[in-house]
C-alpha atoms as a PDB file:
ATOM      1  CA  TYR A   1      52.872  25.281  27.419  1.00  0.00           C
ATOM      2  CA  PHE A   2      52.091  28.529  25.537  1.00  0.00           C
ATOM      3  CA  SER A   3      50.604  26.821  22.599  1.00  0.00           C
ATOM      4  CA  ALA A   4      48.231  24.751  24.988  1.00  0.00           C
ATOM      5  CA  PHE A   5      47.474  27.962  26.997  1.00  0.00           C
ATOM      6  CA  GLY A   6      46.710  29.731  23.815  1.00  0.00           C
ATOM      7  CA  CYS A   7      44.407  26.999  22.574  1.00  0.00           C
ATOM      8  CA  HIS A   8      42.654  26.967  25.853  1.00  0.00           C
ATOM      9  CA  LEU A   9      42.063  30.871  25.684  1.00  0.00           C
ATOM     10  CA  ILE A  10      40.737  30.438  22.144  1.00  0.00           C
ATOM     11  CA  PHE A  11      38.322  27.701  23.333  1.00  0.00           C
ATOM     12  CA  GLU A  12      37.263  29.885  26.366  1.00  0.00           C
ATOM     13  CA  LYS A  13      36.597  32.950  24.087  1.00  0.00           C
ATOM     14  CA  LEU A  14      35.241  31.426  20.961  1.00  0.00           C
ATOM     15  CA  ARG A  15      33.580  28.170  22.254  1.00  0.00           C
ATOM     16  CA  ARG A  16      32.111  26.519  19.127  1.00  0.00           C
ATOM     17  CA  GLY A  17      33.992  28.863  16.608  1.00  0.00           C
ATOM     18  CA  ALA A  18      37.242  27.750  18.250  1.00  0.00           C
ATOM     19  CA  VAL A  19      37.519  24.505  16.295  1.00  0.00           C
ATOM     20  CA  VAL A  20      38.839  25.931  13.056  1.00  0.00           C
ATOM     21  CA  PRO A  21      41.573  28.101  14.734  1.00  0.00           C
ATOM     22  CA  VAL A  22      42.692  25.288  17.132  1.00  0.00           C
ATOM     23  CA  ALA A  23      42.740  22.750  14.250  1.00  0.00           C
ATOM     24  CA  ALA A  24      44.934  25.267  12.224  1.00  0.00           C
ATOM     25  CA  ILE A  25      47.363  25.688  15.190  1.00  0.00           C
ATOM     26  CA  CYS A  26      47.558  21.820  15.641  1.00  0.00           C
ATOM     27  CA  LEU A  27      48.156  21.433  11.832  1.00  0.00           C
ATOM     28  CA  CYS A  28      50.954  23.951  11.907  1.00  0.00           C
ATOM     29  CA  ALA A  29      52.539  22.371  14.787  1.00  0.00           C
ATOM     30  CA  LEU A  30      52.387  18.899  13.109  1.00  0.00           C
ATOM     31  CA  VAL A  31      53.909  20.333   9.844  1.00  0.00           C
ATOM     32  CA  PHE A  32      56.748  21.956  12.045  1.00  0.00           C
ATOM     33  CA  VAL A  33      57.504  18.777  13.886  1.00  0.00           C
ATOM     34  CA  ASN A  34      57.528  16.705  10.856  1.00  0.00           C
ATOM     35  CA  SER A  35      59.847  18.883   8.832  1.00  0.00           C
ATOM     36  CA  TYR A  36      62.166  19.411  11.876  1.00  0.00           C
ATOM     37  CA  ALA A  37      62.393  15.707  12.351  1.00  0.00           C
ATOM     38  CA  ASP A  38      63.245  15.164   8.707  1.00  0.00           C
ATOM     39  CA  ALA A  39      65.965  17.951   8.916  1.00  0.00           C
ATOM     40  CA  MET A  40      67.428  16.403  12.134  1.00  0.00           C
ATOM     41  CA  ASP A  41      67.466  12.924  10.446  1.00  0.00           C
ATOM     42  CA  SER A  42      69.690  14.184   7.632  1.00  0.00           C
ATOM     43  CA  TYR A  43      71.463  16.963   9.614  1.00  0.00           C
ATOM     44  CA  ALA A  44      71.223  19.099   6.480  1.00  0.00           C
ATOM     45  CA  GLY A  45      71.730  22.239   8.359  1.00  0.00           C
ATOM     46  CA  TYR A  46      74.242  20.703  10.871  1.00  0.00           C
ATOM     47  CA  PHE A  47      77.599  20.004   9.345  1.00  0.00           C
ATOM     48  CA  PRO A  48      76.469  18.623   5.965  1.00  0.00           C
ATOM     49  CA  GLY A  49      78.217  15.564   4.878  1.00  0.00           C
ATOM     50  CA  LEU A  50      79.613  14.731   8.294  1.00  0.00           C
ATOM     51  CA  GLY A  51      77.192  11.700   8.715  1.00  0.00           C
ATOM     52  CA  ALA A  52      78.117  10.204   5.397  1.00  0.00           C
ATOM     53  CA  ALA A  53      81.893  10.566   6.200  1.00  0.00           C
ATOM     54  CA  VAL A  54      81.563   8.904   9.571  1.00  0.00           C
ATOM     55  CA  LYS A  55      79.595   6.046   7.979  1.00  0.00           C
ATOM     56  CA  PHE A  56      82.162   5.689   5.255  1.00  0.00           C
ATOM     57  CA  THR A  57      85.023   5.306   7.773  1.00  0.00           C
ATOM     58  CA  GLN A  58      83.171   2.220   9.201  1.00  0.00           C
ATOM     59  CA  SER A  59      84.168   0.298   6.137  1.00  0.00           C
ATOM     60  CA  TYR A  60      87.674   0.601   7.648  1.00  0.00           C
ATOM     61  CA  PRO A  61      87.063  -1.102  11.048  1.00  0.00           C
ATOM     62  CA  GLU A  62      90.653  -1.529  11.975  1.00  0.00           C
ATOM     63  CA  GLU A  63      91.467   2.077  11.551  1.00  0.00           C
ATOM     64  CA  THR A  64      91.366   4.820  14.272  1.00  0.00           C
ATOM     65  CA  VAL A  65      89.312   7.780  13.034  1.00  0.00           C
ATOM     66  CA  TYR A  66      89.978  11.288  13.825  1.00  0.00           C
ATOM     67  CA  ILE A  67      87.193  13.869  13.557  1.00  0.00           C
ATOM     68  CA  THR A  68      88.151  17.526  13.071  1.00  0.00           C
ATOM     69  CA  ASP A  69      87.518  20.006  15.957  1.00  0.00           C
ATOM     70  CA  TRP A  70      85.784  22.086  13.240  1.00  0.00           C
ATOM     71  CA  VAL A  71      82.823  20.208  14.471  1.00  0.00           C
ATOM     72  CA  ASN A  72      81.630  21.127  17.981  1.00  0.00           C
ATOM     73  CA  GLN A  73      81.693  18.117  20.226  1.00  0.00           C
ATOM     74  CA  PRO A  74      82.477  15.753  17.436  1.00  0.00           C
ATOM     75  CA  TYR A  75      82.163  12.632  19.672  1.00  0.00           C
ATOM     76  CA  ILE A  76      78.349  13.221  19.800  1.00  0.00           C
ATOM     77  CA  PHE A  77      78.183  12.814  15.923  1.00  0.00           C
ATOM     78  CA  ALA A  78      80.454   9.672  16.165  1.00  0.00           C
ATOM     79  CA  LEU A  79      78.041   8.241  18.693  1.00  0.00           C
ATOM     80  CA  PHE A  80      74.989   9.163  16.694  1.00  0.00           C
ATOM     81  CA  TYR A  81      76.131   7.786  13.407  1.00  0.00           C
ATOM     82  CA  THR A  82      77.821   4.542  14.696  1.00  0.00           C
ATOM     83  CA  LEU A  83      75.401   3.719  17.526  1.00  0.00           C
ATOM     84  CA  PRO A  84      77.939   1.739  19.814  1.00  0.00           C
ATOM     85  CA  ALA A  85      76.601  -0.115  22.912  1.00  0.00           C
ATOM     86  CA  PRO A  86      76.594   2.209  25.897  1.00  0.00           C
ATOM     87  CA  GLU A  87      78.857  -0.426  27.748  1.00  0.00           C
ATOM     88  CA  CYS A  88      81.376  -0.140  25.009  1.00  0.00           C
ATOM     89  CA  PHE A  89      81.481   3.561  25.152  1.00  0.00           C
ATOM     90  CA  ALA A  90      81.605   3.653  28.958  1.00  0.00           C
ATOM     91  CA  GLN A  91      84.608   1.146  28.918  1.00  0.00           C
ATOM     92  CA  SER A  92      86.563   2.768  26.326  1.00  0.00           C
ATOM     93  CA  VAL A  93      85.981   6.541  26.665  1.00  0.00           C
ATOM     94  CA  GLU A  94      88.920   8.831  27.787  1.00  0.00           C
ATOM     95  CA  TYR A  95      88.098  12.298  28.827  1.00  0.00           C
ATOM     96  CA  ARG A  96      90.278  15.415  28.760  1.00  0.00           C
ATOM     97  CA  ASN A  97      88.837  16.663  31.972  1.00  0.00           C
ATOM     98  CA  PRO A  98      87.336  13.678  33.874  1.00  0.00           C
ATOM     99  CA  ASP A  99      86.521  15.727  36.966  1.00  0.00           C
ATOM    100  CA  ALA A 100      84.625  18.546  35.128  1.00  0.00           C
ATOM    101  CA  ALA A 101      80.966  19.108  35.118  1.00  0.00           C
ATOM    102  CA  PHE A 102      80.850  19.109  31.394  1.00  0.00           C
ATOM    103  CA  ARG A 103      83.382  16.533  30.186  1.00  0.00           C
ATOM    104  CA  SER A 104      85.170  16.742  26.917  1.00  0.00           C
ATOM    105  CA  VAL A 105      86.007  13.385  25.176  1.00  0.00           C
ATOM    106  CA  ARG A 106      89.559  12.752  23.991  1.00  0.00           C
ATOM    107  CA  ARG A 107      88.893   9.328  22.380  1.00  0.00           C
ATOM    108  CA  PHE A 108      86.676   6.321  22.494  1.00  0.00           C
ATOM    109  CA  GLU A 109      86.346   2.896  20.779  1.00  0.00           C
ATOM    110  CA  GLY A 110      88.039   3.645  17.388  1.00  0.00           C
ATOM    111  CA  PHE A 111      87.579   7.441  17.453  1.00  0.00           C
ATOM    112  CA  GLU A 112      90.233  10.190  18.180  1.00  0.00           C
ATOM    113  CA  PHE A 113      89.217  13.735  18.736  1.00  0.00           C
ATOM    114  CA  GLU A 114      92.451  15.364  20.064  1.00  0.00           C
ATOM    115  CA  ASN A 115      95.593  13.898  18.081  1.00  0.00           C
ATOM    116  CA  PRO A 116      95.150  13.543  14.270  1.00  0.00           C
ATOM    117  CA  ASP A 117      98.668  11.902  14.177  1.00  0.00           C
ATOM    118  CA  ALA A 118      97.399   8.884  16.140  1.00  0.00           C
ATOM    119  CA  ALA A 119      94.616   8.057  13.521  1.00  0.00           C
ATOM    120  CA  GLY A 120      94.585   6.068  10.364  1.00  0.00           C
ATOM    121  CA  LEU A 121      91.793   8.003   8.857  1.00  0.00           C
ATOM    122  CA  LEU A 122      90.927  11.692   9.090  1.00  0.00           C
ATOM    123  CA  ILE A 123      87.627  13.358   8.727  1.00  0.00           C
ATOM    124  CA  LEU A 124      88.474  17.107   7.958  1.00  0.00           C
ATOM    125  CA  HIS A 125      86.517  20.040   6.886  1.00  0.00           C
ATOM    126  CA  ARG A 126      87.198  20.945   3.266  1.00  0.00           C
ATOM    127  CA  SER A 127      89.081  24.105   4.344  1.00  0.00           C
ATOM    128  CA  GLU A 128      91.561  21.875   6.329  1.00  0.00           C
ATOM    129  CA  ALA A 129      92.079  19.214   3.629  1.00  0.00           C
ATOM    130  CA  ALA A 130      93.599  21.396   0.845  1.00  0.00           C
ATOM    131  CA  SER A 131      96.743  18.997   0.305  1.00  0.00           C
ATOM    132  CA  ALA A 132      95.192  15.721   1.376  1.00  0.00           C
ATOM    133  CA  ALA A 133      94.268  13.106  -1.112  1.00  0.00           C
ATOM    134  CA  PRO A 134      90.650  12.289  -0.404  1.00  0.00           C
ATOM    135  CA  LEU A 135      89.198   8.757  -0.081  1.00  0.00           C
ATOM    136  CA  PHE A 136      85.773  10.143   0.172  1.00  0.00           C
ATOM    137  CA  VAL A 137      84.025  13.513  -0.083  1.00  0.00           C
ATOM    138  CA  SER A 138      80.654  14.312   1.345  1.00  0.00           C
ATOM    139  CA  GLY A 139      79.125  17.785   1.659  1.00  0.00           C
ATOM    140  CA  ASP A 140      81.635  19.856   3.651  1.00  0.00           C
ATOM    141  CA  PHE A 141      83.865  17.014   4.727  1.00  0.00           C
ATOM    142  CA  VAL A 142      86.630  14.937   3.399  1.00  0.00           C
ATOM    143  CA  VAL A 143      87.919  11.587   4.524  1.00  0.00           C
ATOM    144  CA  CYS A 144      91.614  10.980   3.931  1.00  0.00           C
ATOM    145  CA  GLU A 145      94.388   8.782   5.243  1.00  0.00           C
ATOM    146  CA  GLY A 146      96.067   9.981   8.357  1.00  0.00           C
ATOM    147  CA  PRO A 147      99.741   9.540   9.248  1.00  0.00           C
ATOM    148  CA  GLU A 148      99.069   6.390  11.210  1.00  0.00           C
ATOM    149  CA  GLY A 149      97.185   4.793   8.246  1.00  0.00           C
ATOM    150  CA  LYS A 150      99.972   5.641   5.700  1.00  0.00           C
ATOM    151  CA  ASN A 151     102.606   4.126   8.023  1.00  0.00           C
ATOM    152  CA  GLU A 152     100.693   0.920   8.511  1.00  0.00           C
ATOM    153  CA  ARG A 153     100.167   0.574   4.765  1.00  0.00           C
ATOM    154  CA  ALA A 154     103.952   1.145   3.979  1.00  0.00           C
ATOM    155  CA  ASP A 155     104.680  -2.037   6.023  1.00  0.00           C
ATOM    156  CA  PHE A 156     102.812  -4.338   3.584  1.00  0.00           C
END
């Protein structure tokens, strides 16, 4: 709104001379939007490595994956990187507080956000994974076997 209003005032005051400043404003806006979209695509500033860690766990489709609470609302990242069908999410989601205005997800379709002991794979922040043997490391995050995954493999 304010950018459009500013461009309108520039056109009103400068008339023909307004083309150059308005074009510069539009160019700056395009550069910002382009660089912002690129940053959002890789989430470089938002939990670096989490996307690659979530994608790595998808090669273990039979495992439940726990995502650390180091990440704020980790279910959003799980949804973003795995792109499940909305119907599947709606059918499998379990909320911590189902009657609240802002619900918090406990688990859905292969992801666990509350109990790491119930998961076969853990996505942990490096600071939480000091003693864990990593299966995959990406940015600030480590994928390792959880207690459930180790128990299942011991049966083979």
